[in-house]
Amino acid sequence: MTDLEGVAGVLNFEDWCLPESRYYEVAKELLTKEVNAAVDGFFAAGASQVLVVDGHGAGGINPVLLDQRAELMRGLGMGWPFMMDDGYDVVAWVGQHAKAGSKYAHLAHTQWFNYLDLSINDVSIGEFGQLALCAQELGLPAVFFSGDSAGCLEAQHLTPGIETVSVKRGTTAVSGDHLDAKQYMRHNAGAIHRHPERARMLIREGAERALRRFASRHTLHQDAITAPYERVAVFRADKAGTCTTSVERHPDSLIALLNIPYHEIPVSP
């Protein structure tokens, strides 16, 4: 799974992460080269097949630059969990950012900047956690994560033992929970980045190390979130100061729960 905000050298959202952004194509190149580094590491560790899922909203992978050994998947309208149950053994992340409200994060958000929090059974998660929990339900270990330092800590907390590579670290010490979506988009734009080539070297090494640990039957333990499941999404206040929340439940499947549409209800700020 890939995203654009957690890449070394992607400096802010408005200038780098949208199709109309000044440096959008540069950002896609930076992400694709980080992905290639991971792909190379996985194949060096004995992978027989690597599927790259372009998970950035507007698209983040440049197909022409992608490692020829990898397959590329785009089109997330099919819902969770994409193709993880189609004969794959492990799941990994490249370019991933931390969840909404994370401190010392860079470009942190969950789905979009209007989220205040998302939780499953009172465990706060972000985009990493959603896919990791789907993978857990299918018996696939989460073996590798690269992104900002706060995202790495988030991954380590939810899936202890996962191999992580930090390519940058955020400098904003406060969560920004009091901000609206537009303000929050610009809130945690400060970060200290590794040089992109250095980041790629670390990603390649980490990806190879992660898959070799899996191949040697290294056991990864994921914190148990057990049925029945409840998803609670809390959204930031709009210009009128109105917040909304959405609560959905499923008796036995995280994957089914994550595919239930939101039903937002206004709440008092």
Protein backbone atom coordinates (compact mmCIF):
# COMPACT_ATOMS: atom_id res chain seq x y z
CA MET A 1 0.00 0.00 0.00
CA THR A 2 1.37 3.38 -0.98
CA ASP A 3 0.60 6.98 -0.13
CA LEU A 4 2.20 10.29 -1.03
CA GLU A 5 2.34 12.32 2.17
CA GLY A 6 4.83 10.04 3.93
CA VAL A 7 7.59 10.34 1.32
CA ALA A 8 10.97 12.00 1.89
CA GLY A 9 11.06 15.31 0.02
CA VAL A 10 7.27 15.77 -0.16
CA LEU A 11 7.25 19.03 1.75
CA ASN A 12 3.60 20.05 2.14
CA PHE A 13 0.17 19.10 0.89
CA GLU A 14 -0.93 22.01 -1.27
CA ASP A 15 2.26 22.26 -3.36
CA TRP A 16 2.98 18.53 -3.67
CA CYS A 17 -0.02 16.24 -3.27
CA LEU A 18 -2.76 17.46 -5.63
CA PRO A 19 -2.92 17.20 -9.45
CA GLU A 20 -2.81 20.99 -9.67
CA SER A 21 0.13 21.24 -7.26
CA ARG A 22 3.38 22.78 -8.54
CA TYR A 23 5.45 19.74 -7.64
CA TYR A 24 2.89 16.94 -8.05
CA GLU A 25 4.82 15.06 -10.73
CA VAL A 26 8.03 15.40 -8.71
CA ALA A 27 6.23 13.96 -5.69
CA LYS A 28 5.00 11.01 -7.75
CA GLU A 29 8.54 10.37 -8.92
CA LEU A 30 9.83 10.47 -5.34
CA LEU A 31 7.17 8.01 -4.18
CA THR A 32 7.70 5.66 -7.11
CA LYS A 33 11.43 5.53 -6.43
CA GLU A 34 10.79 4.75 -2.76
CA VAL A 35 8.43 1.98 -3.84
CA ASN A 36 11.06 0.65 -6.24
CA ALA A 37 13.53 0.51 -3.37
CA ALA A 38 11.10 -1.57 -1.34
CA VAL A 39 10.30 -3.80 -4.32
CA ASP A 40 14.01 -4.43 -4.85
CA GLY A 41 14.42 -5.34 -1.19
CA PHE A 42 11.47 -7.73 -1.26
CA PHE A 43 12.73 -9.54 -4.34
CA ALA A 44 16.21 -9.74 -2.83
CA ALA A 45 14.64 -11.50 0.14
CA GLY A 46 12.91 -14.08 -2.08
CA ALA A 47 9.57 -12.55 -3.05
CA SER A 48 7.95 -14.18 -6.07
CA GLN A 49 5.32 -11.49 -6.69
CA VAL A 50 4.81 -7.89 -5.54
CA LEU A 51 1.57 -5.97 -6.06
CA VAL A 52 1.79 -2.20 -5.60
CA VAL A 53 -1.52 -0.58 -4.61
CA ASP A 54 -1.62 3.14 -5.42
CA GLY A 55 -3.48 4.42 -2.38
CA HIS A 56 -3.15 8.20 -2.82
CA GLY A 57 -6.46 9.88 -3.57
CA ALA A 58 -5.44 11.55 -6.83
CA GLY A 59 -2.86 8.89 -7.65
CA GLY A 60 0.75 8.79 -6.53
CA ILE A 61 2.60 6.25 -8.69
CA ASN A 62 4.24 6.99 -12.03
CA PRO A 63 3.67 3.68 -13.89
CA VAL A 64 6.50 4.34 -16.37
CA LEU A 65 9.05 4.61 -13.55
CA LEU A 66 7.78 1.63 -11.55
CA ASP A 67 10.03 -1.42 -11.20
CA GLN A 68 9.17 -3.79 -14.07
CA ARG A 69 8.94 -6.76 -11.72
CA ALA A 70 6.02 -5.24 -9.81
CA GLU A 71 2.34 -5.15 -10.72
CA LEU A 72 0.34 -1.96 -10.18
CA MET A 73 -3.21 -1.74 -8.89
CA ARG A 74 -5.27 1.44 -9.04
CA GLY A 75 -8.97 1.88 -8.37
CA LEU A 76 -10.07 1.60 -4.77
CA GLY A 77 -13.81 1.70 -5.44
CA MET A 78 -13.92 -2.07 -4.92
CA GLY A 79 -13.69 -1.52 -1.17
CA TRP A 80 -11.57 -3.20 1.48
CA PRO A 81 -9.40 -5.24 1.38
CA PHE A 82 -8.58 -4.89 -2.31
CA MET A 83 -6.75 -8.10 -3.39
CA MET A 84 -5.02 -9.17 -0.18
CA ASP A 85 -6.89 -12.48 -0.11
CA ASP A 86 -5.71 -13.46 -3.59
CA GLY A 87 -2.76 -15.63 -2.62
CA TYR A 88 -0.56 -13.03 -0.92
CA ASP A 89 1.48 -13.73 2.20
CA VAL A 90 2.31 -10.34 3.74
CA VAL A 91 1.35 -6.68 3.49
CA ALA A 92 3.61 -3.61 3.58
CA TRP A 93 3.37 0.20 3.39
CA VAL A 94 5.52 2.82 1.63
CA GLY A 95 5.01 6.59 1.90
CA GLN A 96 2.45 6.28 4.68
CA HIS A 97 1.60 9.13 7.05
CA ALA A 98 0.37 9.14 10.64
CA LYS A 99 -3.27 9.27 11.69
CA ALA A 100 -5.21 12.46 12.36
CA GLY A 101 -4.19 14.33 15.49
CA SER A 102 -0.73 12.78 15.79
CA LYS A 103 1.91 14.95 17.42
CA TYR A 104 5.30 15.47 15.76
CA ALA A 105 3.78 14.12 12.55
CA HIS A 106 4.06 15.40 9.00
CA LEU A 107 0.87 15.95 6.97
CA ALA A 108 -1.02 13.66 9.35
CA HIS A 109 -4.64 12.89 8.53
CA THR A 110 -7.10 10.04 8.22
CA GLN A 111 -8.71 9.77 4.78
CA TRP A 112 -8.98 13.57 4.63
CA PHE A 113 -8.19 16.53 6.87
CA ASN A 114 -11.78 16.77 8.13
CA TYR A 115 -11.37 13.71 10.36
CA LEU A 116 -10.78 14.32 14.06
CA ASP A 117 -10.50 10.63 14.95
CA LEU A 118 -11.40 7.14 13.78
CA SER A 119 -11.55 4.20 16.16
CA ILE A 120 -12.39 0.50 16.18
CA ASN A 121 -13.53 -0.79 19.58
CA ASP A 122 -12.06 2.36 21.17
CA VAL A 123 -8.64 1.82 19.54
CA SER A 124 -7.74 4.96 17.58
CA ILE A 125 -6.44 4.10 14.10
CA GLY A 126 -5.59 5.78 10.82
CA GLU A 127 -5.14 4.60 7.27
CA PHE A 128 -2.40 2.19 8.30
CA GLY A 129 -4.58 0.65 10.98
CA GLN A 130 -7.54 0.11 8.68
CA LEU A 131 -5.57 -2.00 6.23
CA ALA A 132 -3.55 -3.72 8.97
CA LEU A 133 -6.76 -4.88 10.64
CA CYS A 134 -8.13 -6.17 7.33
CA ALA A 135 -4.88 -8.05 6.85
CA GLN A 136 -5.11 -9.45 10.36
CA GLU A 137 -8.57 -10.82 9.63
CA LEU A 138 -7.14 -12.58 6.56
CA GLY A 139 -4.12 -13.90 8.44
CA LEU A 140 -1.59 -11.68 6.65
CA PRO A 141 1.14 -10.17 8.85
CA ALA A 142 2.02 -6.49 8.46
CA VAL A 143 5.78 -6.71 7.93
CA PHE A 144 7.07 -3.33 6.73
CA PHE A 145 6.24 0.38 7.03
CA SER A 146 8.03 3.48 5.75
CA GLY A 147 6.91 7.05 6.30
CA ASP A 148 7.29 9.77 8.91
CA SER A 149 8.49 9.02 12.44
CA ALA A 150 5.04 9.45 13.99
CA GLY A 151 3.62 6.99 11.48
CA CYS A 152 6.36 4.51 12.36
CA LEU A 153 5.50 4.77 16.05
CA GLU A 154 1.82 4.28 15.23
CA ALA A 155 2.61 1.13 13.23
CA GLN A 156 4.85 -0.24 15.97
CA HIS A 157 2.15 0.35 18.58
CA LEU A 158 -0.60 -1.39 16.62
CA THR A 159 1.56 -4.20 15.17
CA PRO A 160 4.54 -4.81 17.48
CA GLY A 161 7.51 -6.30 15.63
CA ILE A 162 6.84 -4.61 12.29
CA GLU A 163 9.95 -3.34 10.50
CA THR A 164 9.80 0.45 10.09
CA VAL A 165 11.88 3.06 8.29
CA SER A 166 11.48 6.73 9.13
CA VAL A 167 12.24 9.05 6.20
CA LYS A 168 11.31 12.32 7.95
CA ARG A 169 10.13 13.64 11.30
CA GLY A 170 7.50 16.26 11.99
CA THR A 171 8.22 19.31 14.12
CA THR A 172 4.71 20.29 15.31
CA ALA A 173 4.22 19.47 18.99
CA VAL A 174 0.45 19.94 19.25
CA SER A 175 -2.37 17.83 17.85
CA GLY A 176 -4.41 20.58 16.19
CA ASP A 177 -7.70 19.07 17.33
CA HIS A 178 -9.21 22.56 17.68
CA LEU A 179 -8.71 23.41 13.99
CA ASP A 180 -11.12 23.09 11.09
CA ALA A 181 -10.20 20.98 8.06
CA LYS A 182 -8.61 23.78 6.04
CA GLN A 183 -6.56 24.98 8.98
CA TYR A 184 -5.52 21.43 9.87
CA MET A 185 -4.31 20.80 6.31
CA ARG A 186 -1.61 23.41 6.91
CA HIS A 187 -1.07 22.65 10.59
CA ASN A 188 1.64 19.99 10.56
CA ALA A 189 3.58 20.94 7.44
CA GLY A 190 6.91 21.33 9.24
CA ALA A 191 9.35 18.42 9.05
CA ILE A 192 13.01 17.44 8.82
CA HIS A 193 13.57 15.15 5.83
CA ARG A 194 16.21 12.59 5.00
CA HIS A 195 17.78 13.03 1.57
CA PRO A 196 15.61 11.02 -0.86
CA GLU A 197 18.50 8.79 -1.94
CA ARG A 198 19.35 8.04 1.67
CA ALA A 199 15.70 7.28 2.38
CA ARG A 200 15.59 4.84 -0.53
CA MET A 201 18.68 3.02 0.67
CA LEU A 202 17.16 2.58 4.12
CA ILE A 203 13.84 1.46 2.64
CA ARG A 204 15.53 -1.17 0.48
CA GLU A 205 17.48 -2.52 3.44
CA GLY A 206 14.42 -2.48 5.69
CA ALA A 207 12.19 -4.21 3.14
CA GLU A 208 14.69 -7.00 2.60
CA ARG A 209 15.20 -7.40 6.34
CA ALA A 210 11.42 -7.49 6.94
CA LEU A 211 10.74 -10.22 4.42
CA ARG A 212 13.71 -12.33 5.53
CA ARG A 213 12.36 -12.19 9.07
CA PHE A 214 8.99 -13.41 7.80
CA ALA A 215 10.61 -16.15 5.71
CA SER A 216 12.50 -17.37 8.78
CA ARG A 217 9.15 -17.66 10.61
CA HIS A 218 9.70 -14.63 12.79
CA THR A 219 6.39 -14.19 14.58
CA LEU A 220 4.68 -10.80 14.56
CA HIS A 221 2.07 -10.20 17.21
CA GLN A 222 -0.81 -7.84 16.50
CA ASP A 223 -2.86 -6.44 19.36
CA ALA A 224 -6.17 -8.25 19.40
CA ILE A 225 -9.30 -6.31 18.52
CA THR A 226 -12.05 -8.86 18.91
CA ALA A 227 -15.65 -9.13 17.72
CA PRO A 228 -18.18 -7.62 17.89
CA TYR A 229 -16.78 -4.53 16.18
CA GLU A 230 -17.76 -0.88 16.46
CA ARG A 231 -16.38 1.90 14.25
CA VAL A 232 -16.65 5.50 15.45
CA ALA A 233 -15.67 8.39 13.18
CA VAL A 234 -15.56 11.91 14.56
CA PHE A 235 -15.30 14.81 12.12
CA ARG A 236 -14.00 18.33 12.64
CA ALA A 237 -16.37 21.24 13.05
CA ASP A 238 -17.48 23.02 9.89
CA LYS A 239 -17.51 26.82 9.46
CA ALA A 240 -20.73 27.00 11.46
CA GLY A 241 -19.06 25.14 14.34
CA THR A 242 -21.07 21.94 13.90
CA CYS A 243 -19.30 18.62 14.48
CA THR A 244 -20.56 15.27 13.22
CA THR A 245 -19.99 11.68 14.27
CA SER A 246 -20.75 8.33 12.69
CA VAL A 247 -21.13 5.00 14.50
CA GLU A 248 -21.43 1.64 12.72
CA ARG A 249 -21.27 -1.93 14.02
CA HIS A 250 -20.72 -5.42 12.69
CA PRO A 251 -20.98 -8.65 14.67
CA ASP A 252 -17.98 -10.53 13.30
CA SER A 253 -16.04 -8.91 10.43
CA LEU A 254 -13.70 -5.92 10.42
CA ILE A 255 -13.60 -6.00 6.65
CA ALA A 256 -17.39 -5.82 6.40
CA LEU A 257 -17.44 -3.04 9.00
CA LEU A 258 -14.94 -0.93 7.08
CA ASN A 259 -17.09 -1.24 3.97
CA ILE A 260 -20.21 0.14 5.66
CA PRO A 261 -20.90 3.75 4.54
CA TYR A 262 -20.74 6.52 7.12
CA HIS A 263 -23.97 7.95 8.55
CA GLU A 264 -22.94 11.29 10.01
CA ILE A 265 -24.99 12.77 12.84
CA PRO A 266 -24.52 16.37 14.10
CA VAL A 267 -23.27 16.65 17.68
CA SER A 268 -22.64 19.53 20.04
CA PRO A 269 -19.10 20.94 19.77
